[in-house]
Amino acid sequence: MTRTTPSPSPEDVITLPAAARLLGVGPTTLKRWSDQGRIPHTRTPGGHRRFLRSVIMDFRALVDPRAGVGQTGGHLSLRMGEPREWVDRAHTLADPDRMEAALLALRASSANWGETSDAVLQEFLGPLCGRHHEGRISDGAWRVLRRSVVRSANRAAGRLRPRIGSPIALLASPGGRAGDVLVALTEAALREQGITVLDAGRCEDPEALGQVIAEQQPHIVVLLAPGSADAATLLLRMGGALREAAVDGAEIWLAGGADWPAMDGALPLRTMAALSATAARRSGAADPYEAIAREG
């Protein structure tokens, strides 16, 4: 039987000023956070922002009010602690809404989505993956947690609008199941910097990747694999498609944490923070939110 998600009640949809009061910040601060993808929002046909009360309360519950939330230049911190401290409470983050609130609060205290992604991958998902391999986390629970991260990162990325005329990046991961997480987090990191993103997903067939590249003609091809992947074998398998893309003028970025071997013309990016910084330089965006802020 298909399950449907009930629509929020009118009482749960609140205005920008009301949401700001619940968080203890000014409307301008909340507007900036929502523009930056830190707190989800929708818009009415007239362009006014609306927030879900439940999401605002979840976000507030994860924020320590002693961290100076309502002060200029104040940082947000999680009551749960750093991502490495989430590991023992992972079952609470199997709910995508809770995971999204946690990710957005972490992003609020990070420099960018790249830095946030590094923390999530290294301090949260890395230890959980180890527990899964040791049999301390079931296959089902591990799938649910990965899916929760993917859905939350996709929601965050979906609220970040690329710049008109921005470079187009095609994301592809031949690195197995972990590729879904990498693609979702990378999309958020790139879209935050104004890059337009196309998703080739877990593309393990070099011919299929070459066909997608030929059809989409991206400016950048980002090959993603986790640190545990055999990067040399992956690059050997996918190298032909990448070299053809480079001949056609595309930039090749090798990212995701894998220990990529050298490839002529390819740019290895060891961390998501490095990917985010490279994307910012590539898009030429001194402030990726400047245009959004002007729109109000």
Protein backbone atom coordinates (compact mmCIF):
# COMPACT_ATOMS: atom_id res chain seq x y z
CA MET A 1 0.00 0.00 0.00
CA THR A 2 1.37 3.40 -0.94
CA ARG A 3 1.94 5.76 1.93
CA THR A 4 1.28 9.45 1.43
CA THR A 5 2.76 12.31 3.39
CA PRO A 6 0.03 14.50 4.91
CA SER A 7 0.05 18.16 3.98
CA PRO A 8 1.01 20.56 6.77
CA SER A 9 -1.87 22.20 8.58
CA PRO A 10 -2.32 25.98 8.18
CA GLU A 11 -1.26 26.42 11.81
CA ASP A 12 2.11 24.80 11.06
CA VAL A 13 2.95 27.24 8.24
CA ILE A 14 4.34 30.48 9.67
CA THR A 15 5.66 33.78 8.38
CA LEU A 16 9.24 35.03 8.38
CA PRO A 17 8.73 37.33 11.43
CA ALA A 18 7.02 34.54 13.39
CA ALA A 19 9.78 32.05 12.58
CA ALA A 20 12.44 34.60 13.51
CA ARG A 21 10.79 35.17 16.90
CA LEU A 22 10.77 31.42 17.58
CA LEU A 23 14.49 31.25 16.83
CA GLY A 24 15.33 34.39 18.75
CA VAL A 25 16.90 36.16 15.77
CA GLY A 26 15.96 39.13 13.62
CA PRO A 27 14.04 38.71 10.33
CA THR A 28 17.10 39.83 8.36
CA THR A 29 19.22 37.11 9.93
CA LEU A 30 16.63 34.44 9.20
CA LYS A 31 16.26 35.74 5.64
CA ARG A 32 20.02 35.37 5.15
CA TRP A 33 20.05 31.85 6.63
CA SER A 34 17.17 30.74 4.42
CA ASP A 35 18.80 32.28 1.33
CA GLN A 36 21.95 30.34 2.16
CA GLY A 37 20.03 27.08 2.38
CA ARG A 38 20.51 26.70 6.13
CA ILE A 39 16.80 26.63 6.96
CA PRO A 40 14.19 25.31 4.50
CA HIS A 41 11.44 27.62 3.32
CA THR A 42 8.88 28.01 0.58
CA ARG A 43 7.38 31.09 -1.06
CA THR A 44 3.82 32.17 -1.63
CA PRO A 45 2.69 33.17 -5.15
CA GLY A 46 3.42 36.73 -4.03
CA GLY A 47 7.01 35.87 -3.13
CA HIS A 48 6.66 35.91 0.67
CA ARG A 49 8.61 33.33 2.68
CA ARG A 50 6.85 30.67 4.67
CA PHE A 51 8.35 28.21 7.15
CA LEU A 52 7.12 25.03 8.81
CA ARG A 53 6.78 25.54 12.55
CA SER A 54 7.90 21.93 13.15
CA VAL A 55 11.11 22.46 11.17
CA ILE A 56 11.86 25.72 12.98
CA MET A 57 11.31 23.99 16.34
CA ASP A 58 13.52 21.07 15.31
CA PHE A 59 16.23 23.52 14.28
CA ARG A 60 15.89 25.45 17.54
CA ALA A 61 16.05 22.23 19.56
CA LEU A 62 19.45 21.44 18.02
CA VAL A 63 20.88 24.89 18.71
CA ASP A 64 22.46 25.92 21.96
CA PRO A 65 21.04 29.38 22.81
CA ARG A 66 24.23 30.15 24.77
CA ALA A 67 26.15 30.18 21.47
CA GLY A 68 24.95 33.70 20.66
CA VAL A 69 22.39 32.82 18.00
CA GLY A 70 20.78 36.24 18.05
CA GLN A 71 24.01 38.20 18.11
CA THR A 72 25.77 39.67 15.10
CA GLY A 73 28.50 37.31 13.99
CA GLY A 74 27.30 34.64 16.45
CA HIS A 75 27.79 31.00 15.55
CA LEU A 76 25.41 28.10 15.90
CA SER A 77 26.41 24.97 17.74
CA LEU A 78 24.61 21.65 18.12
CA ARG A 79 23.52 20.45 21.52
CA MET A 80 24.36 17.03 20.13
CA GLY A 81 27.96 18.17 19.78
CA GLU A 82 30.19 17.69 16.76
CA PRO A 83 29.34 15.07 14.08
CA ARG A 84 31.60 12.51 15.75
CA GLU A 85 29.30 12.77 18.75
CA TRP A 86 26.25 12.00 16.61
CA VAL A 87 27.42 8.42 16.06
CA ASP A 88 25.98 7.02 19.28
CA ARG A 89 22.70 8.85 18.59
CA ALA A 90 22.50 7.91 14.93
CA HIS A 91 19.08 6.29 15.30
CA THR A 92 17.56 9.73 15.96
CA LEU A 93 18.91 10.96 12.60
CA ALA A 94 17.30 8.18 10.58
CA ASP A 95 14.38 10.62 10.31
CA PRO A 96 15.24 12.87 7.31
CA ASP A 97 13.63 15.89 8.99
CA ARG A 98 15.88 15.52 12.03
CA MET A 99 18.87 14.86 9.81
CA GLU A 100 18.11 17.96 7.77
CA ALA A 101 17.86 20.10 10.89
CA ALA A 102 21.20 18.72 12.09
CA LEU A 103 22.90 19.32 8.72
CA LEU A 104 21.56 22.86 8.45
CA ALA A 105 22.64 23.70 11.98
CA LEU A 106 26.10 22.28 11.23
CA ARG A 107 26.25 24.31 8.01
CA ALA A 108 25.43 27.42 10.02
CA SER A 109 28.65 26.99 12.00
CA SER A 110 30.78 26.00 8.97
CA ALA A 111 32.43 28.07 6.28
CA ASN A 112 30.54 26.35 3.45
CA TRP A 113 28.82 23.13 2.44
CA GLY A 114 32.19 21.62 1.52
CA GLU A 115 33.46 21.97 5.07
CA THR A 116 30.14 20.66 6.40
CA SER A 117 30.34 17.65 4.09
CA ASP A 118 33.88 16.80 5.20
CA ALA A 119 32.73 16.74 8.82
CA VAL A 120 29.73 14.54 8.02
CA LEU A 121 31.76 12.11 5.89
CA GLN A 122 34.77 11.83 8.16
CA GLU A 123 33.31 12.17 11.64
CA PHE A 124 29.82 10.68 11.26
CA LEU A 125 29.47 8.38 8.26
CA GLY A 126 33.04 7.08 8.45
CA PRO A 127 32.72 5.68 11.98
CA LEU A 128 29.22 4.37 11.21
CA CYS A 129 30.56 2.56 8.14
CA GLY A 130 33.16 0.94 10.39
CA ARG A 131 30.45 -0.23 12.78
CA HIS A 132 28.48 -1.61 9.84
CA HIS A 133 31.46 -3.65 8.66
CA GLU A 134 31.92 -4.94 12.21
CA GLY A 135 28.30 -6.07 12.28
CA ARG A 136 27.31 -3.58 14.98
CA ILE A 137 24.87 -1.84 12.61
CA SER A 138 22.49 -3.89 10.47
CA ASP A 139 22.36 -3.55 6.69
CA GLY A 140 18.86 -2.11 6.95
CA ALA A 141 19.80 0.54 9.52
CA TRP A 142 22.87 1.53 7.49
CA ARG A 143 20.75 1.94 4.34
CA VAL A 144 18.21 4.06 6.20
CA LEU A 145 20.92 6.37 7.59
CA ARG A 146 22.57 6.82 4.19
CA ARG A 147 19.19 7.50 2.61
CA SER A 148 18.45 10.07 5.32
CA VAL A 149 21.68 11.94 4.57
CA VAL A 150 20.99 11.84 0.83
CA ARG A 151 17.44 13.15 1.17
CA SER A 152 18.52 15.91 3.54
CA ALA A 153 21.42 17.03 1.34
CA ASN A 154 19.17 16.95 -1.73
CA ARG A 155 16.67 19.20 0.01
CA ALA A 156 19.41 21.65 0.95
CA ALA A 157 20.84 21.64 -2.58
CA GLY A 158 17.40 22.18 -4.06
CA ARG A 159 17.08 25.49 -2.25
CA LEU A 160 20.34 26.85 -3.68
CA ARG A 161 19.85 28.48 -7.05
CA PRO A 162 22.71 28.48 -9.58
CA ARG A 163 23.73 31.70 -11.23
CA ILE A 164 22.47 32.47 -14.72
CA GLY A 165 25.14 31.46 -17.20
CA SER A 166 27.11 29.59 -14.55
CA PRO A 167 29.41 26.66 -15.42
CA ILE A 168 27.70 23.27 -15.67
CA ALA A 169 29.14 20.39 -13.68
CA LEU A 170 28.24 16.74 -14.30
CA LEU A 171 28.55 14.54 -11.21
CA ALA A 172 29.27 10.83 -11.59
CA SER A 173 30.21 8.22 -9.02
CA PRO A 174 31.39 4.75 -10.02
CA GLY A 175 32.27 4.02 -6.37
CA GLY A 176 29.34 1.85 -5.30
CA ARG A 177 26.60 2.56 -2.79
CA ALA A 178 28.50 5.37 -1.08
CA GLY A 179 28.23 7.28 -4.34
CA ASP A 180 24.68 8.44 -3.59
CA VAL A 181 25.87 10.27 -0.47
CA LEU A 182 28.85 11.80 -2.25
CA VAL A 183 26.75 13.03 -5.16
CA ALA A 184 24.15 14.62 -2.86
CA LEU A 185 26.72 16.42 -0.68
CA THR A 186 28.76 17.51 -3.70
CA GLU A 187 25.68 18.97 -5.37
CA ALA A 188 25.02 21.12 -2.29
CA ALA A 189 28.66 22.27 -2.21
CA LEU A 190 28.67 23.20 -5.90
CA ARG A 191 25.25 24.82 -6.06
CA GLU A 192 26.15 26.93 -3.06
CA GLN A 193 28.96 28.43 -5.15
CA GLY A 194 26.63 29.15 -8.07
CA ILE A 195 27.53 26.10 -10.20
CA THR A 196 24.76 24.42 -12.21
CA VAL A 197 24.75 20.68 -11.45
CA LEU A 198 23.74 17.67 -13.53
CA ASP A 199 23.61 14.28 -11.83
CA ALA A 200 24.76 11.14 -13.63
CA GLY A 201 24.43 9.19 -10.36
CA ARG A 202 26.17 5.88 -9.75
CA CYS A 203 27.52 5.63 -13.26
CA GLU A 204 29.77 2.56 -13.36
CA ASP A 205 29.70 2.00 -17.13
CA PRO A 206 32.31 4.10 -19.00
CA GLU A 207 30.31 3.94 -22.23
CA ALA A 208 27.22 5.25 -20.44
CA LEU A 209 29.26 8.04 -18.84
CA GLY A 210 30.74 8.97 -22.21
CA GLN A 211 27.25 9.11 -23.73
CA VAL A 212 25.93 11.37 -20.94
CA ILE A 213 28.94 13.68 -21.33
CA ALA A 214 28.43 13.84 -25.11
CA GLU A 215 24.74 14.65 -24.69
CA GLN A 216 25.07 17.21 -21.88
CA GLN A 217 28.36 18.90 -22.87
CA PRO A 218 29.26 19.96 -19.31
CA HIS A 219 32.02 22.44 -18.55
CA ILE A 220 33.20 20.27 -15.64
CA VAL A 221 33.05 16.50 -15.06
CA VAL A 222 33.37 15.56 -11.38
CA LEU A 223 34.23 11.92 -10.72
CA LEU A 224 33.47 10.96 -7.12
CA ALA A 225 34.66 8.01 -5.07
CA PRO A 226 35.02 7.51 -1.29
CA GLY A 227 38.34 7.13 0.48
CA SER A 228 37.84 3.37 0.70
CA ALA A 229 37.56 2.96 -3.08
CA ASP A 230 40.26 1.52 -5.34
CA ALA A 231 40.73 4.82 -7.14
CA ALA A 232 43.43 3.52 -9.50
CA THR A 233 41.13 0.80 -10.84
CA LEU A 234 38.20 3.21 -11.12
CA LEU A 235 40.28 5.72 -13.05
CA LEU A 236 41.63 3.00 -15.32
CA ARG A 237 38.06 1.95 -16.14
CA MET A 238 36.59 5.44 -16.55
CA GLY A 239 39.68 7.21 -17.90
CA GLY A 240 38.75 6.87 -21.57
CA ALA A 241 35.46 8.73 -21.13
CA LEU A 242 37.19 11.40 -19.07
CA ARG A 243 39.96 11.94 -21.60
CA GLU A 244 37.40 12.31 -24.38
CA ALA A 245 35.58 14.91 -22.27
CA ALA A 246 38.86 16.76 -21.72
CA VAL A 247 39.55 16.78 -25.45
CA ASP A 248 36.14 18.39 -25.93
CA GLY A 249 37.12 21.12 -23.47
CA ALA A 250 35.68 19.89 -20.16
CA GLU A 251 37.58 20.23 -16.92
CA ILE A 252 38.06 16.98 -14.99
CA TRP A 253 37.82 17.06 -11.20
CA LEU A 254 38.60 13.93 -9.17
CA ALA A 255 36.98 14.19 -5.75
CA GLY A 256 35.12 12.41 -2.98
CA GLY A 257 38.05 11.52 -0.72
CA ALA A 258 39.59 8.75 -2.85
CA ASP A 259 43.36 8.62 -3.30
CA TRP A 260 43.25 9.39 -7.00
CA PRO A 261 46.38 8.68 -9.07
CA ALA A 262 47.74 11.37 -11.36
CA MET A 263 45.93 11.93 -14.64
CA ASP A 264 47.06 14.49 -17.20
CA GLY A 265 44.87 17.56 -17.06
CA ALA A 266 42.75 16.30 -14.15
CA LEU A 267 42.46 18.19 -10.88
CA PRO A 268 42.56 16.00 -7.74
CA LEU A 269 40.54 17.45 -4.87
CA ARG A 270 41.26 15.58 -1.64
CA THR A 271 38.52 17.18 0.44
CA MET A 272 35.06 18.58 -0.08
CA ALA A 273 36.29 21.90 1.29
CA ALA A 274 38.88 21.98 -1.51
CA LEU A 275 36.12 21.23 -4.02
CA SER A 276 34.01 24.07 -2.62
CA ALA A 277 36.92 26.53 -2.81
CA THR A 278 37.73 25.47 -6.36
CA ALA A 279 34.08 25.88 -7.36
CA ALA A 280 34.01 29.38 -5.89
CA ARG A 281 37.04 30.37 -7.95
CA ARG A 282 35.64 28.68 -11.05
CA SER A 283 32.30 30.48 -10.83
CA GLY A 284 33.99 33.80 -10.11
CA ALA A 285 31.60 34.38 -7.23
CA ALA A 286 33.08 36.49 -4.47
CA ASP A 287 29.78 36.11 -2.64
CA PRO A 288 27.55 33.32 -3.96
CA TYR A 289 24.52 34.84 -2.19
CA GLU A 290 24.92 38.42 -3.37
CA ALA A 291 22.37 38.14 -6.18
CA ILE A 292 19.91 36.23 -3.99
CA ALA A 293 20.16 38.81 -1.20
CA ARG A 294 19.30 41.59 -3.64
CA GLU A 295 16.13 39.76 -4.63
CA GLY A 296 14.87 39.76 -1.02
